[in-house]
Amino acid sequence: MRSISLVLALFMTLSPFSLISLSTNNIPAMFPPVHGKHVVPGEYVNPYLYYSSPPAPGGIASFGLFNYSGKVTPYIITTNKVLGYTNVSNLLAYYKMARKYGVNPYSATLQMNVVLQVNTTHGTFAYWLQDVGSFQTNNNKVTFIDNIWNLTGNPSVLSSSVVSGNGKVTSAGGGNTFYYDVGPTYTYYYPFSYVYVVNVSYTSSSLSIWFGYEILQNGKPVSSPQVQYYDEVTIKQSGIVSAAITVNGNVYTPDGLYYDAELVWGGGGNGAPTQFVNLNDTLGLYYVNSTGKITPFPSLYTFGSDTGESAYNVHDMLVNGVPEAYAGTEVLTVLTNQFTVLLI
């Protein structure tokens, strides 16, 4: 539904953006790709609309689709919490043209991106929530950052009068704005394993979104690891009936992107690609179900499609049922319809 309450000044769609570098810490924006598709009645989403060949955001993603030899069955998952597990044991990225995007040639991002669907008395809205590790692979530094984009209408407008948190709203050019925050920076050592955590709640007049991470191992196991929430964002919005992070293979978001969940490698930001020289990474993507149990997303593809930063040379495979990403030939395909391994 495209009915929009302009009084909130929150509602946008995504257009091709100019290249920008956003913060005083030189942390760039995480761009979505171009948009605008709709599901034919009785059909399901097509994951290959925006990426049909490399480079693409490489890793794991759930589109809400079981795909058995081309026989596709869509499904829906709703949750208030999503977790992304990673264990990195080797990492080096280099893309010599990255500076034209305003990012370090050695930079790469591992992004956990999900969509918050908000049903209100005056329409359905969708917000893109990004919990991101921004890696500088030449000096083993990682900075946690978050972005919020609105996938509801056009143009892209998020107003600082209704969005608040540790970060701020800034311009993406062309009248488009979005929210971002820069969290802490760490020096990492191998193996480096941690969990992304995005948690949401709502009232009838506001949304609350928590962005966090839990470091499990940084060269050696962390004693008593705990989730660190580095940003809590509130969005004021009237007439909320329900809100949940949603994976849905039946429909696109109002602006034509996906209700999906992604844990994917890409370039350093601003829509930049990168190329992986070395990569060895274990991945897992989970949600918390209605009983409070951590549950694997059951079907996974080897690439994301809402994410604008792409990657060359990310090869995904299953090893004893566990998704592994290596430096190698990228193949955009179904990874598994039966992901059941709990890595957390």
C-alpha atoms as a PDB file:
ATOM      1  CA  MET A   1       0.000   0.000   0.000  1.00  0.00           C
ATOM      2  CA  ARG A   2       1.338   3.404  -0.924  1.00  0.00           C
ATOM      3  CA  SER A   3      -0.867   5.691   1.182  1.00  0.00           C
ATOM      4  CA  ILE A   4       1.488   8.000   3.072  1.00  0.00           C
ATOM      5  CA  SER A   5       1.130  10.263   6.088  1.00  0.00           C
ATOM      6  CA  LEU A   6       3.290  13.227   5.124  1.00  0.00           C
ATOM      7  CA  VAL A   7       3.075  14.717   8.592  1.00  0.00           C
ATOM      8  CA  LEU A   8       5.631  12.158   9.758  1.00  0.00           C
ATOM      9  CA  ALA A   9       8.016  12.998   6.893  1.00  0.00           C
ATOM     10  CA  LEU A  10       9.390   9.453   6.972  1.00  0.00           C
ATOM     11  CA  PHE A  11       8.547   7.880   3.685  1.00  0.00           C
ATOM     12  CA  MET A  12      10.810   7.243   0.783  1.00  0.00           C
ATOM     13  CA  THR A  13      11.890   5.054  -2.017  1.00  0.00           C
ATOM     14  CA  LEU A  14      15.410   4.489  -3.229  1.00  0.00           C
ATOM     15  CA  SER A  15      16.860   6.153  -6.286  1.00  0.00           C
ATOM     16  CA  PRO A  16      20.309   5.950  -7.855  1.00  0.00           C
ATOM     17  CA  PHE A  17      22.443   7.991  -5.456  1.00  0.00           C
ATOM     18  CA  SER A  18      25.421  10.236  -5.899  1.00  0.00           C
ATOM     19  CA  LEU A  19      28.604   9.097  -4.207  1.00  0.00           C
ATOM     20  CA  ILE A  20      29.110  10.528  -0.743  1.00  0.00           C
ATOM     21  CA  SER A  21      31.256  10.088   2.338  1.00  0.00           C
ATOM     22  CA  LEU A  22      29.102  10.771   5.324  1.00  0.00           C
ATOM     23  CA  SER A  23      30.729  11.146   8.665  1.00  0.00           C
ATOM     24  CA  THR A  24      33.648  12.820  10.330  1.00  0.00           C
ATOM     25  CA  ASN A  25      34.981   9.285  10.842  1.00  0.00           C
ATOM     26  CA  ASN A  26      34.784   8.674   7.073  1.00  0.00           C
ATOM     27  CA  ILE A  27      32.233   5.908   7.536  1.00  0.00           C
ATOM     28  CA  PRO A  28      30.304   5.680   4.249  1.00  0.00           C
ATOM     29  CA  ALA A  29      26.672   4.921   3.559  1.00  0.00           C
ATOM     30  CA  MET A  30      25.525   1.381   2.797  1.00  0.00           C
ATOM     31  CA  PHE A  31      23.534   1.782  -0.411  1.00  0.00           C
ATOM     32  CA  PRO A  32      20.563  -0.272  -1.591  1.00  0.00           C
ATOM     33  CA  PRO A  33      20.345  -0.989  -5.334  1.00  0.00           C
ATOM     34  CA  VAL A  34      17.850   0.484  -7.808  1.00  0.00           C
ATOM     35  CA  HIS A  35      14.237  -0.557  -7.202  1.00  0.00           C
ATOM     36  CA  GLY A  36      10.768  -0.690  -8.669  1.00  0.00           C
ATOM     37  CA  LYS A  37       9.474  -4.248  -9.213  1.00  0.00           C
ATOM     38  CA  HIS A  38       6.136  -5.808  -8.264  1.00  0.00           C
ATOM     39  CA  VAL A  39       4.958  -9.403  -7.905  1.00  0.00           C
ATOM     40  CA  VAL A  40       2.609 -10.717 -10.542  1.00  0.00           C
ATOM     41  CA  PRO A  41      -0.560 -11.912  -8.753  1.00  0.00           C
ATOM     42  CA  GLY A  42      -0.246 -15.568  -7.804  1.00  0.00           C
ATOM     43  CA  GLU A  43       3.545 -15.581  -8.229  1.00  0.00           C
ATOM     44  CA  TYR A  44       6.464 -14.995  -5.848  1.00  0.00           C
ATOM     45  CA  VAL A  45       9.504 -12.751  -5.678  1.00  0.00           C
ATOM     46  CA  ASN A  46      12.434 -13.217  -8.054  1.00  0.00           C
ATOM     47  CA  PRO A  47      15.785 -12.971  -6.182  1.00  0.00           C
ATOM     48  CA  TYR A  48      17.652 -12.257  -9.433  1.00  0.00           C
ATOM     49  CA  LEU A  49      16.079  -8.901 -10.341  1.00  0.00           C
ATOM     50  CA  TYR A  50      19.058  -6.786  -9.300  1.00  0.00           C
ATOM     51  CA  TYR A  51      21.936  -9.284  -9.364  1.00  0.00           C
ATOM     52  CA  SER A  52      21.955 -12.061 -11.944  1.00  0.00           C
ATOM     53  CA  SER A  53      25.740 -12.487 -12.194  1.00  0.00           C
ATOM     54  CA  PRO A  54      28.827 -11.502 -10.176  1.00  0.00           C
ATOM     55  CA  PRO A  55      29.679  -9.188  -8.590  1.00  0.00           C
ATOM     56  CA  ALA A  56      26.900  -9.423  -6.021  1.00  0.00           C
ATOM     57  CA  PRO A  57      26.778  -9.167  -2.235  1.00  0.00           C
ATOM     58  CA  GLY A  58      28.204 -12.575  -1.291  1.00  0.00           C
ATOM     59  CA  GLY A  59      27.312 -14.680   1.722  1.00  0.00           C
ATOM     60  CA  ILE A  60      23.918 -15.984   2.804  1.00  0.00           C
ATOM     61  CA  ALA A  61      20.397 -14.588   2.460  1.00  0.00           C
ATOM     62  CA  SER A  62      16.859 -15.781   3.071  1.00  0.00           C
ATOM     63  CA  PHE A  63      14.278 -14.538   0.562  1.00  0.00           C
ATOM     64  CA  GLY A  64      11.394 -16.541   2.028  1.00  0.00           C
ATOM     65  CA  LEU A  65      11.652 -19.118  -0.747  1.00  0.00           C
ATOM     66  CA  PHE A  66      12.115 -22.869  -0.742  1.00  0.00           C
ATOM     67  CA  ASN A  67      13.580 -23.820  -4.120  1.00  0.00           C
ATOM     68  CA  TYR A  68      13.814 -27.511  -4.916  1.00  0.00           C
ATOM     69  CA  SER A  69      15.184 -27.925  -8.453  1.00  0.00           C
ATOM     70  CA  GLY A  70      13.232 -24.937  -9.680  1.00  0.00           C
ATOM     71  CA  LYS A  71      10.008 -25.740  -7.822  1.00  0.00           C
ATOM     72  CA  VAL A  72       9.577 -22.660  -5.654  1.00  0.00           C
ATOM     73  CA  THR A  73       7.392 -22.379  -2.547  1.00  0.00           C
ATOM     74  CA  PRO A  74       7.256 -19.031  -0.739  1.00  0.00           C
ATOM     75  CA  TYR A  75       6.980 -18.709   3.039  1.00  0.00           C
ATOM     76  CA  ILE A  76       6.724 -15.946   5.653  1.00  0.00           C
ATOM     77  CA  ILE A  77       8.683 -15.482   8.878  1.00  0.00           C
ATOM     78  CA  THR A  78       8.050 -12.642  11.327  1.00  0.00           C
ATOM     79  CA  THR A  79      10.167 -11.961  14.399  1.00  0.00           C
ATOM     80  CA  ASN A  80      11.314  -9.229  16.753  1.00  0.00           C
ATOM     81  CA  LYS A  81      14.976 -10.336  16.753  1.00  0.00           C
ATOM     82  CA  VAL A  82      17.462 -11.488  14.115  1.00  0.00           C
ATOM     83  CA  LEU A  83      21.026 -12.707  14.720  1.00  0.00           C
ATOM     84  CA  GLY A  84      23.897 -13.182  12.299  1.00  0.00           C
ATOM     85  CA  TYR A  85      26.904 -15.330  13.229  1.00  0.00           C
ATOM     86  CA  THR A  86      30.336 -14.982  11.648  1.00  0.00           C
ATOM     87  CA  ASN A  87      33.728 -16.544  12.337  1.00  0.00           C
ATOM     88  CA  VAL A  88      36.467 -14.963  10.215  1.00  0.00           C
ATOM     89  CA  SER A  89      39.832 -16.742  10.037  1.00  0.00           C
ATOM     90  CA  ASN A  90      41.323 -14.996   6.981  1.00  0.00           C
ATOM     91  CA  LEU A  91      40.408 -11.702   5.324  1.00  0.00           C
ATOM     92  CA  LEU A  92      41.970  -9.415   2.736  1.00  0.00           C
ATOM     93  CA  ALA A  93      40.041  -7.314   0.237  1.00  0.00           C
ATOM     94  CA  TYR A  94      41.413  -4.965  -2.395  1.00  0.00           C
ATOM     95  CA  TYR A  95      39.674  -2.998  -5.155  1.00  0.00           C
ATOM     96  CA  LYS A  96      41.851  -0.399  -6.814  1.00  0.00           C
ATOM     97  CA  MET A  97      38.912   1.725  -8.042  1.00  0.00           C
ATOM     98  CA  ALA A  98      37.374   2.043  -4.558  1.00  0.00           C
ATOM     99  CA  ARG A  99      38.624   5.601  -4.020  1.00  0.00           C
ATOM    100  CA  LYS A 100      36.260   6.923  -6.667  1.00  0.00           C
ATOM    101  CA  TYR A 101      33.473   5.745  -4.337  1.00  0.00           C
ATOM    102  CA  GLY A 102      35.100   7.560  -1.424  1.00  0.00           C
ATOM    103  CA  VAL A 103      36.275   4.422   0.395  1.00  0.00           C
ATOM    104  CA  ASN A 104      39.603   2.767   1.182  1.00  0.00           C
ATOM    105  CA  PRO A 105      40.666   0.236  -1.507  1.00  0.00           C
ATOM    106  CA  TYR A 106      41.266  -2.289   1.288  1.00  0.00           C
ATOM    107  CA  SER A 107      37.830  -1.814   2.849  1.00  0.00           C
ATOM    108  CA  ALA A 108      35.012  -4.365   2.967  1.00  0.00           C
ATOM    109  CA  THR A 109      31.756  -4.716   4.862  1.00  0.00           C
ATOM    110  CA  LEU A 110      29.934  -7.650   6.348  1.00  0.00           C
ATOM    111  CA  GLN A 111      26.332  -6.494   6.551  1.00  0.00           C
ATOM    112  CA  MET A 112      23.366  -8.022   8.341  1.00  0.00           C
ATOM    113  CA  ASN A 113      20.402  -6.380   6.634  1.00  0.00           C
ATOM    114  CA  VAL A 114      16.750  -7.005   7.487  1.00  0.00           C
ATOM    115  CA  VAL A 115      13.409  -5.325   6.775  1.00  0.00           C
ATOM    116  CA  LEU A 116      11.001  -4.071   9.431  1.00  0.00           C
ATOM    117  CA  GLN A 117       7.395  -4.166   8.197  1.00  0.00           C
ATOM    118  CA  VAL A 118       5.070  -1.742   9.980  1.00  0.00           C
ATOM    119  CA  ASN A 119       1.310  -2.028   9.573  1.00  0.00           C
ATOM    120  CA  THR A 120      -0.605   1.118  10.501  1.00  0.00           C
ATOM    121  CA  THR A 121      -4.122   2.465  10.294  1.00  0.00           C
ATOM    122  CA  HIS A 122      -3.021   4.538   7.285  1.00  0.00           C
ATOM    123  CA  GLY A 123      -0.867   2.094   5.319  1.00  0.00           C
ATOM    124  CA  THR A 124       1.994  -0.402   5.358  1.00  0.00           C
ATOM    125  CA  PHE A 125       5.557   0.842   5.714  1.00  0.00           C
ATOM    126  CA  ALA A 126       8.939  -0.871   5.408  1.00  0.00           C
ATOM    127  CA  TYR A 127      12.278   0.126   6.942  1.00  0.00           C
ATOM    128  CA  TRP A 128      15.648  -1.328   6.019  1.00  0.00           C
ATOM    129  CA  LEU A 129      17.754  -2.013   9.118  1.00  0.00           C
ATOM    130  CA  GLN A 130      21.503  -2.524   8.671  1.00  0.00           C
ATOM    131  CA  ASP A 131      23.940  -3.751  11.328  1.00  0.00           C
ATOM    132  CA  VAL A 132      27.344  -3.559   9.666  1.00  0.00           C
ATOM    133  CA  GLY A 133      30.947  -4.430  10.368  1.00  0.00           C
ATOM    134  CA  SER A 134      33.095  -2.038   8.321  1.00  0.00           C
ATOM    135  CA  PHE A 135      36.508  -3.703   7.894  1.00  0.00           C
ATOM    136  CA  GLN A 136      39.797  -2.060   6.958  1.00  0.00           C
ATOM    137  CA  THR A 137      41.501  -5.268   5.930  1.00  0.00           C
ATOM    138  CA  ASN A 138      45.009  -3.803   5.552  1.00  0.00           C
ATOM    139  CA  ASN A 139      45.284  -2.928   9.252  1.00  0.00           C
ATOM    140  CA  ASN A 140      42.819  -5.325  10.948  1.00  0.00           C
ATOM    141  CA  LYS A 141      40.345  -2.683  12.120  1.00  0.00           C
ATOM    142  CA  VAL A 142      36.577  -3.105  12.238  1.00  0.00           C
ATOM    143  CA  THR A 143      33.988  -0.443  13.071  1.00  0.00           C
ATOM    144  CA  PHE A 144      30.362  -1.284  13.834  1.00  0.00           C
ATOM    145  CA  ILE A 145      27.890   1.044  12.138  1.00  0.00           C
ATOM    146  CA  ASP A 146      24.159   1.051  11.496  1.00  0.00           C
ATOM    147  CA  ASN A 147      21.898   2.552   8.842  1.00  0.00           C
ATOM    148  CA  ILE A 148      18.112   2.881   8.562  1.00  0.00           C
ATOM    149  CA  TRP A 149      16.493   3.488   5.181  1.00  0.00           C
ATOM    150  CA  ASN A 150      12.792   3.667   4.383  1.00  0.00           C
ATOM    151  CA  LEU A 151      11.555   1.383   1.599  1.00  0.00           C
ATOM    152  CA  THR A 152       8.062   2.849   1.474  1.00  0.00           C
ATOM    153  CA  GLY A 153       7.695   5.778  -0.927  1.00  0.00           C
ATOM    154  CA  ASN A 154       9.525   8.381  -2.975  1.00  0.00           C
ATOM    155  CA  PRO A 155      11.635  10.463  -2.371  1.00  0.00           C
ATOM    156  CA  SER A 156      13.781   9.191   0.488  1.00  0.00           C
ATOM    157  CA  VAL A 157      13.015  11.342   3.531  1.00  0.00           C
ATOM    158  CA  LEU A 158      13.815  10.547   7.145  1.00  0.00           C
ATOM    159  CA  SER A 159      13.284  13.567   9.396  1.00  0.00           C
ATOM    160  CA  SER A 160      15.442  14.238  12.453  1.00  0.00           C
ATOM    161  CA  SER A 161      12.294  15.510  14.188  1.00  0.00           C
ATOM    162  CA  VAL A 162      10.876  11.973  14.318  1.00  0.00           C
ATOM    163  CA  VAL A 163      14.000   9.764  14.299  1.00  0.00           C
ATOM    164  CA  SER A 164      16.319   9.794  17.307  1.00  0.00           C
ATOM    165  CA  GLY A 165      19.251   7.717  18.523  1.00  0.00           C
ATOM    166  CA  ASN A 166      22.996   7.927  19.024  1.00  0.00           C
ATOM    167  CA  GLY A 167      23.408   8.769  15.343  1.00  0.00           C
ATOM    168  CA  LYS A 168      21.846  11.312  13.059  1.00  0.00           C
ATOM    169  CA  VAL A 169      19.918  11.834   9.848  1.00  0.00           C
ATOM    170  CA  THR A 170      21.962  12.941   6.870  1.00  0.00           C
ATOM    171  CA  SER A 171      21.560  13.576   3.155  1.00  0.00           C
ATOM    172  CA  ALA A 172      22.149  10.977   0.475  1.00  0.00           C
ATOM    173  CA  GLY A 173      21.685  13.527  -2.315  1.00  0.00           C
ATOM    174  CA  GLY A 174      18.745  14.192  -4.588  1.00  0.00           C
ATOM    175  CA  GLY A 175      16.450  14.993  -1.668  1.00  0.00           C
ATOM    176  CA  ASN A 176      17.045  11.576  -0.078  1.00  0.00           C
ATOM    177  CA  THR A 177      17.945  11.268   3.596  1.00  0.00           C
ATOM    178  CA  PHE A 178      18.651   8.354   5.929  1.00  0.00           C
ATOM    179  CA  TYR A 179      19.754   7.623   9.498  1.00  0.00           C
ATOM    180  CA  TYR A 180      23.233   6.387  10.424  1.00  0.00           C
ATOM    181  CA  ASP A 181      25.371   5.865  13.503  1.00  0.00           C
ATOM    182  CA  VAL A 182      29.064   5.082  13.994  1.00  0.00           C
ATOM    183  CA  GLY A 183      29.744   2.629  16.819  1.00  0.00           C
ATOM    184  CA  PRO A 184      32.987   1.372  18.371  1.00  0.00           C
ATOM    185  CA  THR A 185      36.157   0.310  16.536  1.00  0.00           C
ATOM    186  CA  TYR A 186      38.195  -2.805  17.387  1.00  0.00           C
ATOM    187  CA  THR A 187      41.490  -4.296  16.329  1.00  0.00           C
ATOM    188  CA  TYR A 188      40.683  -7.870  15.349  1.00  0.00           C
ATOM    189  CA  TYR A 189      42.774 -11.023  15.460  1.00  0.00           C
ATOM    190  CA  TYR A 190      42.049 -14.428  13.950  1.00  0.00           C
ATOM    191  CA  PRO A 191      39.877 -16.229  14.589  1.00  0.00           C
ATOM    192  CA  PHE A 192      37.439 -13.344  14.958  1.00  0.00           C
ATOM    193  CA  SER A 193      33.897 -14.462  15.699  1.00  0.00           C
ATOM    194  CA  TYR A 194      30.893 -12.433  16.737  1.00  0.00           C
ATOM    195  CA  VAL A 195      27.119 -12.196  16.437  1.00  0.00           C
ATOM    196  CA  TYR A 196      25.095  -9.319  15.014  1.00  0.00           C
ATOM    197  CA  VAL A 197      21.874  -8.605  16.932  1.00  0.00           C
ATOM    198  CA  VAL A 198      18.946  -6.477  15.736  1.00  0.00           C
ATOM    199  CA  ASN A 199      15.976  -6.261  18.082  1.00  0.00           C
ATOM    200  CA  VAL A 200      12.705  -4.338  17.615  1.00  0.00           C
ATOM    201  CA  SER A 201       9.601  -3.430  19.609  1.00  0.00           C
ATOM    202  CA  TYR A 202       6.708  -1.045  19.119  1.00  0.00           C
ATOM    203  CA  THR A 203       3.819   0.850  20.674  1.00  0.00           C
ATOM    204  CA  SER A 204       0.866   2.414  18.892  1.00  0.00           C
ATOM    205  CA  SER A 205       2.899   5.574  18.297  1.00  0.00           C
ATOM    206  CA  SER A 206       6.571   4.583  18.029  1.00  0.00           C
ATOM    207  CA  LEU A 207       9.125   2.001  16.932  1.00  0.00           C
ATOM    208  CA  SER A 208      12.204   1.046  18.949  1.00  0.00           C
ATOM    209  CA  ILE A 209      15.182  -0.553  17.177  1.00  0.00           C
ATOM    210  CA  TRP A 210      18.335  -1.831  18.898  1.00  0.00           C
ATOM    211  CA  PHE A 211      21.567  -2.492  16.998  1.00  0.00           C
ATOM    212  CA  GLY A 212      24.196  -4.631  18.680  1.00  0.00           C
ATOM    213  CA  TYR A 213      26.913  -7.257  18.494  1.00  0.00           C
ATOM    214  CA  GLU A 214      28.422  -9.905  20.753  1.00  0.00           C
ATOM    215  CA  ILE A 215      32.112 -10.688  20.300  1.00  0.00           C
ATOM    216  CA  LEU A 216      32.757 -14.360  21.032  1.00  0.00           C
ATOM    217  CA  GLN A 217      36.398 -14.702  20.027  1.00  0.00           C
ATOM    218  CA  ASN A 218      39.091 -12.204  19.109  1.00  0.00           C
ATOM    219  CA  GLY A 219      42.238 -14.270  18.702  1.00  0.00           C
ATOM    220  CA  LYS A 220      41.141 -16.182  21.779  1.00  0.00           C
ATOM    221  CA  PRO A 221      37.718 -16.824  23.346  1.00  0.00           C
ATOM    222  CA  VAL A 222      36.143 -13.895  25.177  1.00  0.00           C
ATOM    223  CA  SER A 223      35.356 -14.680  28.784  1.00  0.00           C
ATOM    224  CA  SER A 224      31.692 -14.005  29.622  1.00  0.00           C
ATOM    225  CA  PRO A 225      30.683 -12.553  26.223  1.00  0.00           C
ATOM    226  CA  GLN A 226      27.717 -10.177  26.294  1.00  0.00           C
ATOM    227  CA  VAL A 227      25.623  -8.383  23.703  1.00  0.00           C
ATOM    228  CA  GLN A 228      26.682  -4.754  23.345  1.00  0.00           C
ATOM    229  CA  TYR A 229      23.868  -2.549  22.056  1.00  0.00           C
ATOM    230  CA  TYR A 230      25.622   0.491  20.613  1.00  0.00           C
ATOM    231  CA  ASP A 231      22.545   2.259  19.233  1.00  0.00           C
ATOM    232  CA  GLU A 232      18.874   2.486  20.185  1.00  0.00           C
ATOM    233  CA  VAL A 233      16.725   4.262  17.617  1.00  0.00           C
ATOM    234  CA  THR A 234      13.184   5.546  18.101  1.00  0.00           C
ATOM    235  CA  ILE A 235      10.919   6.391  15.174  1.00  0.00           C
ATOM    236  CA  LYS A 236       7.727   8.236  15.988  1.00  0.00           C
ATOM    237  CA  GLN A 237       4.873   6.963  13.852  1.00  0.00           C
ATOM    238  CA  SER A 238       1.151   7.189  14.469  1.00  0.00           C
ATOM    239  CA  GLY A 239      -1.462   4.443  14.210  1.00  0.00           C
ATOM    240  CA  ILE A 240       0.819   1.411  14.506  1.00  0.00           C
ATOM    241  CA  VAL A 241      -1.147  -1.832  14.561  1.00  0.00           C
ATOM    242  CA  SER A 242       1.786  -4.263  14.326  1.00  0.00           C
ATOM    243  CA  ALA A 243       5.480  -4.290  13.460  1.00  0.00           C
ATOM    244  CA  ALA A 244       7.944  -7.133  12.882  1.00  0.00           C
ATOM    245  CA  ILE A 245      11.134  -7.965  11.052  1.00  0.00           C
ATOM    246  CA  THR A 246       9.769  -9.872   8.086  1.00  0.00           C
ATOM    247  CA  VAL A 247      11.014 -12.369   5.516  1.00  0.00           C
ATOM    248  CA  ASN A 248       8.321 -12.870   2.890  1.00  0.00           C
ATOM    249  CA  GLY A 249       8.717 -14.583  -0.473  1.00  0.00           C
ATOM    250  CA  ASN A 250       5.245 -13.572  -1.653  1.00  0.00           C
ATOM    251  CA  VAL A 251       5.643  -9.800  -2.053  1.00  0.00           C
ATOM    252  CA  TYR A 252       8.132  -6.992  -2.554  1.00  0.00           C
ATOM    253  CA  THR A 253       8.414  -3.980  -0.285  1.00  0.00           C
ATOM    254  CA  PRO A 254       6.359  -0.952  -1.386  1.00  0.00           C
ATOM    255  CA  ASP A 255       9.318   0.360  -3.394  1.00  0.00           C
ATOM    256  CA  GLY A 256      10.128  -2.966  -5.053  1.00  0.00           C
ATOM    257  CA  LEU A 257      12.927  -4.401  -2.902  1.00  0.00           C
ATOM    258  CA  TYR A 258      12.744  -7.606  -0.838  1.00  0.00           C
ATOM    259  CA  TYR A 259      11.434  -8.612   2.548  1.00  0.00           C
ATOM    260  CA  ASP A 260      14.568 -10.651   3.111  1.00  0.00           C
ATOM    261  CA  ALA A 261      17.360 -11.194   5.642  1.00  0.00           C
ATOM    262  CA  GLU A 262      20.948 -10.950   4.451  1.00  0.00           C
ATOM    263  CA  LEU A 263      24.371 -11.615   5.947  1.00  0.00           C
ATOM    264  CA  VAL A 264      26.631 -10.641   3.084  1.00  0.00           C
ATOM    265  CA  TRP A 265      30.091  -9.369   2.192  1.00  0.00           C
ATOM    266  CA  GLY A 266      30.407  -6.306  -0.008  1.00  0.00           C
ATOM    267  CA  GLY A 267      32.466  -3.218  -0.700  1.00  0.00           C
ATOM    268  CA  GLY A 268      33.323  -0.552   1.832  1.00  0.00           C
ATOM    269  CA  GLY A 269      30.193   1.557   1.260  1.00  0.00           C
ATOM    270  CA  ASN A 270      28.625   4.135  -1.062  1.00  0.00           C
ATOM    271  CA  GLY A 271      27.688   1.354  -3.494  1.00  0.00           C
ATOM    272  CA  ALA A 272      31.329   0.286  -3.982  1.00  0.00           C
ATOM    273  CA  PRO A 273      32.289  -3.237  -5.006  1.00  0.00           C
ATOM    274  CA  THR A 274      35.374  -4.987  -3.706  1.00  0.00           C
ATOM    275  CA  GLN A 275      37.395  -8.070  -4.550  1.00  0.00           C
ATOM    276  CA  PHE A 276      38.489 -10.607  -1.974  1.00  0.00           C
ATOM    277  CA  VAL A 277      42.105 -11.748  -2.147  1.00  0.00           C
ATOM    278  CA  ASN A 278      41.751 -13.897   0.980  1.00  0.00           C
ATOM    279  CA  LEU A 279      38.547 -14.966   2.683  1.00  0.00           C
ATOM    280  CA  ASN A 280      37.684 -17.776   5.058  1.00  0.00           C
ATOM    281  CA  ASP A 281      34.457 -17.223   6.956  1.00  0.00           C
ATOM    282  CA  THR A 282      31.733 -19.292   8.617  1.00  0.00           C
ATOM    283  CA  LEU A 283      28.234 -17.777   8.533  1.00  0.00           C
ATOM    284  CA  GLY A 284      24.868 -18.387  10.164  1.00  0.00           C
ATOM    285  CA  LEU A 285      21.558 -16.502  10.012  1.00  0.00           C
ATOM    286  CA  TYR A 286      18.904 -16.897  12.731  1.00  0.00           C
ATOM    287  CA  TYR A 287      15.700 -15.474  14.137  1.00  0.00           C
ATOM    288  CA  VAL A 288      14.007 -15.756  17.517  1.00  0.00           C
ATOM    289  CA  ASN A 289      10.653 -17.529  17.180  1.00  0.00           C
ATOM    290  CA  SER A 290       7.436 -16.938  19.113  1.00  0.00           C
ATOM    291  CA  THR A 291       8.589 -19.207  21.965  1.00  0.00           C
ATOM    292  CA  GLY A 292      11.910 -17.365  22.345  1.00  0.00           C
ATOM    293  CA  LYS A 293      13.997 -20.060  20.642  1.00  0.00           C
ATOM    294  CA  ILE A 294      16.899 -19.164  18.331  1.00  0.00           C
ATOM    295  CA  THR A 295      15.930 -20.719  14.991  1.00  0.00           C
ATOM    296  CA  PRO A 296      17.847 -20.997  11.697  1.00  0.00           C
ATOM    297  CA  PHE A 297      16.320 -19.395   8.618  1.00  0.00           C
ATOM    298  CA  PRO A 298      15.525 -22.625   6.776  1.00  0.00           C
ATOM    299  CA  SER A 299      16.482 -21.733   3.201  1.00  0.00           C
ATOM    300  CA  LEU A 300      19.491 -19.718   2.068  1.00  0.00           C
ATOM    301  CA  TYR A 301      20.794 -18.280  -1.188  1.00  0.00           C
ATOM    302  CA  THR A 302      24.468 -17.424  -1.784  1.00  0.00           C
ATOM    303  CA  PHE A 303      23.879 -13.713  -2.371  1.00  0.00           C
ATOM    304  CA  GLY A 304      21.813 -10.750  -1.208  1.00  0.00           C
ATOM    305  CA  SER A 305      19.739  -8.426  -3.378  1.00  0.00           C
ATOM    306  CA  ASP A 306      18.729  -5.471  -1.169  1.00  0.00           C
ATOM    307  CA  THR A 307      22.386  -4.575  -0.571  1.00  0.00           C
ATOM    308  CA  GLY A 308      24.099  -2.120  -2.930  1.00  0.00           C
ATOM    309  CA  GLU A 309      27.719  -3.024  -2.099  1.00  0.00           C
ATOM    310  CA  SER A 310      28.842  -6.026  -4.139  1.00  0.00           C
ATOM    311  CA  ALA A 311      31.853  -8.340  -4.110  1.00  0.00           C
ATOM    312  CA  TYR A 312      34.001 -10.268  -6.527  1.00  0.00           C
ATOM    313  CA  ASN A 313      35.455 -13.633  -5.554  1.00  0.00           C
ATOM    314  CA  VAL A 314      33.132 -14.820  -2.757  1.00  0.00           C
ATOM    315  CA  HIS A 315      32.408 -18.527  -3.100  1.00  0.00           C
ATOM    316  CA  ASP A 316      29.839 -20.085  -0.759  1.00  0.00           C
ATOM    317  CA  MET A 317      29.464 -23.764   0.036  1.00  0.00           C
ATOM    318  CA  LEU A 318      28.050 -26.031   2.728  1.00  0.00           C
ATOM    319  CA  VAL A 319      30.522 -27.900   4.914  1.00  0.00           C
ATOM    320  CA  ASN A 320      28.745 -30.413   7.158  1.00  0.00           C
ATOM    321  CA  GLY A 321      25.594 -28.323   6.786  1.00  0.00           C
ATOM    322  CA  VAL A 322      27.355 -25.065   7.715  1.00  0.00           C
ATOM    323  CA  PRO A 323      27.675 -22.127   5.264  1.00  0.00           C
ATOM    324  CA  GLU A 324      31.302 -21.287   4.512  1.00  0.00           C
ATOM    325  CA  ALA A 325      32.552 -18.368   2.389  1.00  0.00           C
ATOM    326  CA  TYR A 326      35.919 -18.567   0.635  1.00  0.00           C
ATOM    327  CA  ALA A 327      37.852 -16.543  -1.922  1.00  0.00           C
ATOM    328  CA  GLY A 328      36.818 -18.183  -5.168  1.00  0.00           C
ATOM    329  CA  THR A 329      34.400 -18.129  -8.074  1.00  0.00           C
ATOM    330  CA  GLU A 330      31.071 -16.608  -7.077  1.00  0.00           C
ATOM    331  CA  VAL A 331      27.931 -18.532  -8.020  1.00  0.00           C
ATOM    332  CA  LEU A 332      24.503 -16.955  -7.469  1.00  0.00           C
ATOM    333  CA  THR A 333      22.302 -19.861  -6.502  1.00  0.00           C
ATOM    334  CA  VAL A 334      20.369 -21.697  -3.782  1.00  0.00           C
ATOM    335  CA  LEU A 335      22.767 -22.798  -1.047  1.00  0.00           C
ATOM    336  CA  THR A 336      20.389 -24.925   1.034  1.00  0.00           C
ATOM    337  CA  ASN A 337      16.719 -25.533   1.772  1.00  0.00           C
ATOM    338  CA  GLN A 338      17.552 -27.196   5.086  1.00  0.00           C
ATOM    339  CA  PHE A 339      19.780 -24.974   7.205  1.00  0.00           C
ATOM    340  CA  THR A 340      19.467 -26.410  10.723  1.00  0.00           C
ATOM    341  CA  VAL A 341      22.888 -25.975  12.380  1.00  0.00           C
ATOM    342  CA  LEU A 342      23.023 -23.783  15.505  1.00  0.00           C
ATOM    343  CA  LEU A 343      26.392 -22.015  15.577  1.00  0.00           C
ATOM    344  CA  ILE A 344      25.480 -19.606  18.368  1.00  0.00           C
END
